[in-house]
Amino acid sequence: MTPPPASKTDHPSGDNRFKLLDRTIARFQSRGDALIEVLHSAQSIFGYLENDLMVYIARALRLPLSRVYGVATFYHFFNLKPKGRHAFVLCMGTACYVKGAEAIQNAVAKRCGVSFGETTADGAVSLVSARCIGSCGLAPVAVLDDDVAGKLSVDGAVERVGQWIAEPEQVSS
C-alpha cells in the first residue's frame, strides 16, 4: 500500500531541514525514479536515514515504504543509524576472512563494547563490515576513517580503535 502524499505541513517536529529536502524532491518533480537521489540528499541533510525520514520520503514520492526501506538497506552507502566520529570498516571477503578478519572483528567489537553494524554509546566509533573492498592482496584489510590499512593484525586494529575511544571530546568555541 502506498502512503498518502506528504503535504508541505507534514514536517515532523517542525524541523526546517525538511524544507531543504523538499527542494530536492521538487527538483525531481516528486518522481519515484529519483528515490536514490532523494535518499542521498536526505542523508546529506540529516546525517542518516531514520524511520520517520523514510516514511516522509515514501509519502513525498508516492512510493511504498517497503521500496524506500529496501533501497536504503540494499546500498552500503546509506546509514540507518547515526555514524560515529570515526569509522572502522572491516573487509570480510574470502581473502580477508581466511587471513584472520574474523579474529580482528571479534577483538575490535570486544574493545569497543558494540557489535559490527553499531556505534559506540559515546558516538566515537562506528564498526562496519563490508563484503569486499577490493584490496585482496592486502588481506586482512580495513578502512580506518578514509585510510586503507592492509595486512592488519588483531593488535594493530585494537590499538587503532583504542586511540579513537581514548580521544577527548572535541569542544568547539
Protein backbone atom coordinates (compact mmCIF):
# COMPACT_ATOMS: atom_id res chain seq x y z
CA MET A 1 0.00 0.00 0.00
CA THR A 2 1.34 3.41 -0.96
CA PRO A 3 1.16 6.03 1.82
CA PRO A 4 -0.73 9.26 1.09
CA PRO A 5 1.40 12.06 -0.41
CA ALA A 6 3.18 14.36 2.02
CA SER A 7 1.97 17.93 2.24
CA LYS A 8 4.06 21.00 2.95
CA THR A 9 2.84 20.94 6.57
CA ASP A 10 3.87 17.32 7.20
CA HIS A 11 7.32 18.24 8.51
CA PRO A 12 7.87 16.02 11.54
CA SER A 13 8.60 18.05 14.67
CA GLY A 14 8.73 21.28 12.65
CA ASP A 15 12.33 20.51 11.62
CA ASN A 16 13.40 23.05 8.98
CA ARG A 17 15.78 20.56 7.37
CA PHE A 18 12.71 19.08 5.72
CA LYS A 19 12.40 22.29 3.70
CA LEU A 20 15.82 21.55 2.19
CA LEU A 21 14.72 18.01 1.41
CA ASP A 22 11.51 19.35 -0.16
CA ARG A 23 13.63 21.36 -2.60
CA THR A 24 15.35 18.18 -3.77
CA ILE A 25 12.03 16.38 -4.08
CA ALA A 26 10.61 19.31 -6.08
CA ARG A 27 13.70 19.39 -8.32
CA PHE A 28 12.92 15.77 -9.26
CA GLN A 29 9.19 16.56 -9.53
CA SER A 30 8.31 14.02 -6.79
CA ARG A 31 9.16 11.20 -9.21
CA GLY A 32 9.64 7.78 -7.69
CA ASP A 33 12.54 7.05 -10.02
CA ALA A 34 14.53 9.74 -8.19
CA LEU A 35 14.49 7.71 -4.96
CA ILE A 36 18.25 7.17 -4.73
CA GLU A 37 18.99 10.85 -5.36
CA VAL A 38 16.43 11.88 -2.73
CA LEU A 39 17.87 9.39 -0.22
CA HIS A 40 21.39 10.75 -0.87
CA SER A 41 20.13 14.28 -0.29
CA ALA A 42 18.25 13.27 2.86
CA GLN A 43 21.31 11.56 4.31
CA SER A 44 23.45 14.58 3.47
CA ILE A 45 21.00 16.88 5.24
CA PHE A 46 20.14 14.70 8.27
CA GLY A 47 23.30 12.58 8.61
CA TYR A 48 21.43 9.28 8.44
CA LEU A 49 18.08 7.85 7.35
CA GLU A 50 15.89 7.34 10.39
CA ASN A 51 12.49 5.65 10.08
CA ASP A 52 10.41 8.86 10.20
CA LEU A 53 12.52 10.32 7.42
CA MET A 54 11.96 7.27 5.19
CA VAL A 55 8.21 7.47 5.82
CA TYR A 56 8.30 11.13 4.79
CA ILE A 57 10.21 10.29 1.59
CA ALA A 58 7.83 7.44 0.76
CA ARG A 59 4.86 9.79 1.07
CA ALA A 60 6.53 12.59 -0.88
CA LEU A 61 7.47 10.28 -3.75
CA ARG A 62 4.22 8.29 -3.54
CA LEU A 63 6.12 5.03 -3.10
CA PRO A 64 5.52 2.08 -0.78
CA LEU A 65 7.59 2.36 2.38
CA SER A 66 8.91 -1.13 1.68
CA ARG A 67 10.56 0.13 -1.53
CA VAL A 68 12.20 3.09 0.22
CA TYR A 69 13.42 0.86 3.05
CA GLY A 70 14.56 -1.81 0.58
CA VAL A 71 16.72 0.65 -1.35
CA ALA A 72 18.10 2.24 1.83
CA THR A 73 19.11 -1.14 3.25
CA PHE A 74 20.42 -2.59 -0.03
CA TYR A 75 23.04 0.07 -0.73
CA HIS A 76 26.02 0.13 1.62
CA PHE A 77 26.31 3.93 1.33
CA PHE A 78 23.12 4.60 3.28
CA ASN A 79 23.16 4.73 7.08
CA LEU A 80 20.09 3.95 9.17
CA LYS A 81 21.79 4.97 12.40
CA PRO A 82 23.96 7.96 13.33
CA LYS A 83 27.59 7.47 12.39
CA GLY A 84 30.43 7.84 14.85
CA ARG A 85 33.22 10.39 14.58
CA HIS A 86 35.43 7.55 13.33
CA ALA A 87 34.61 4.59 11.10
CA PHE A 88 36.26 1.17 11.18
CA VAL A 89 35.20 -0.72 8.04
CA LEU A 90 36.48 -4.30 8.05
CA CYS A 91 36.57 -6.35 4.87
CA MET A 92 35.02 -9.78 5.39
CA GLY A 93 35.66 -11.04 1.84
CA THR A 94 37.13 -14.50 1.33
CA ALA A 95 40.81 -13.47 1.28
CA CYS A 96 40.44 -11.30 4.39
CA TYR A 97 38.36 -13.88 6.21
CA VAL A 98 40.90 -16.64 5.52
CA LYS A 99 43.72 -14.39 6.75
CA GLY A 100 42.08 -13.56 10.09
CA ALA A 101 39.36 -10.94 9.62
CA GLU A 102 37.02 -12.81 11.98
CA ALA A 103 39.57 -12.61 14.83
CA ILE A 104 40.01 -8.88 14.14
CA GLN A 105 36.24 -8.41 14.10
CA ASN A 106 35.81 -10.18 17.45
CA ALA A 107 38.67 -8.29 19.13
CA VAL A 108 37.61 -4.87 17.85
CA ALA A 109 33.97 -5.46 18.83
CA LYS A 110 35.08 -6.52 22.30
CA ARG A 111 37.34 -3.44 22.66
CA CYS A 112 34.55 -1.10 21.58
CA GLY A 113 31.81 -2.87 23.51
CA VAL A 114 29.48 -2.97 20.49
CA SER A 115 28.83 -5.32 17.59
CA PHE A 116 29.67 -4.57 13.99
CA GLY A 117 26.88 -2.53 12.46
CA GLU A 118 26.67 -0.38 15.61
CA THR A 119 28.21 2.80 17.01
CA THR A 120 29.72 3.17 20.47
CA ALA A 121 27.49 4.86 23.04
CA ASP A 122 29.77 7.91 23.13
CA GLY A 123 29.49 8.29 19.34
CA ALA A 124 33.24 7.85 18.88
CA VAL A 125 33.41 4.77 16.64
CA SER A 126 31.15 3.07 14.11
CA LEU A 127 32.01 -0.54 13.30
CA VAL A 128 31.06 -1.67 9.80
CA SER A 129 31.72 -4.90 7.94
CA ALA A 130 31.99 -4.91 4.16
CA ARG A 131 31.61 -7.83 1.77
CA CYS A 132 34.75 -6.85 -0.12
CA ILE A 133 36.70 -3.64 -0.57
CA GLY A 134 38.78 -4.89 -3.48
CA SER A 135 42.20 -4.99 -1.84
CA CYS A 136 42.63 -8.75 -1.55
CA GLY A 137 46.41 -8.54 -1.87
CA LEU A 138 46.49 -6.58 1.40
CA ALA A 139 44.34 -9.05 3.35
CA PRO A 140 43.21 -8.71 6.02
CA VAL A 141 42.29 -5.12 5.27
CA ALA A 142 40.18 -2.40 6.83
CA VAL A 143 39.38 1.21 6.04
CA LEU A 144 40.09 3.32 9.11
CA ASP A 145 38.28 6.57 8.54
CA ASP A 146 39.48 7.16 4.96
CA ASP A 147 42.81 5.30 5.18
CA VAL A 148 43.25 1.74 3.93
CA ALA A 149 45.14 -0.42 6.42
CA GLY A 150 46.44 -3.62 4.87
CA LYS A 151 47.93 -6.76 6.42
CA LEU A 152 46.16 -5.71 9.60
CA SER A 153 46.83 -7.58 12.81
CA VAL A 154 44.47 -8.06 15.72
CA ASP A 155 46.73 -5.98 17.98
CA GLY A 156 47.09 -3.21 15.39
CA ALA A 157 43.34 -2.98 14.88
CA VAL A 158 42.59 -2.94 18.61
CA GLU A 159 45.28 -0.32 19.18
CA ARG A 160 43.84 1.96 16.49
CA VAL A 161 40.26 1.87 17.78
CA GLY A 162 41.62 2.27 21.30
CA GLN A 163 43.13 5.60 20.23
CA TRP A 164 39.76 6.72 18.90
CA ILE A 165 37.93 5.74 22.05
CA ALA A 166 40.53 7.43 24.24
CA GLU A 167 40.26 10.71 22.32
CA PRO A 168 38.91 13.57 24.44
CA GLU A 169 35.67 15.17 23.28
CA GLN A 170 36.22 17.96 20.78
CA VAL A 171 34.82 21.16 22.24
CA SER A 172 34.02 23.91 19.76
CA SER A 173 34.20 27.51 20.87
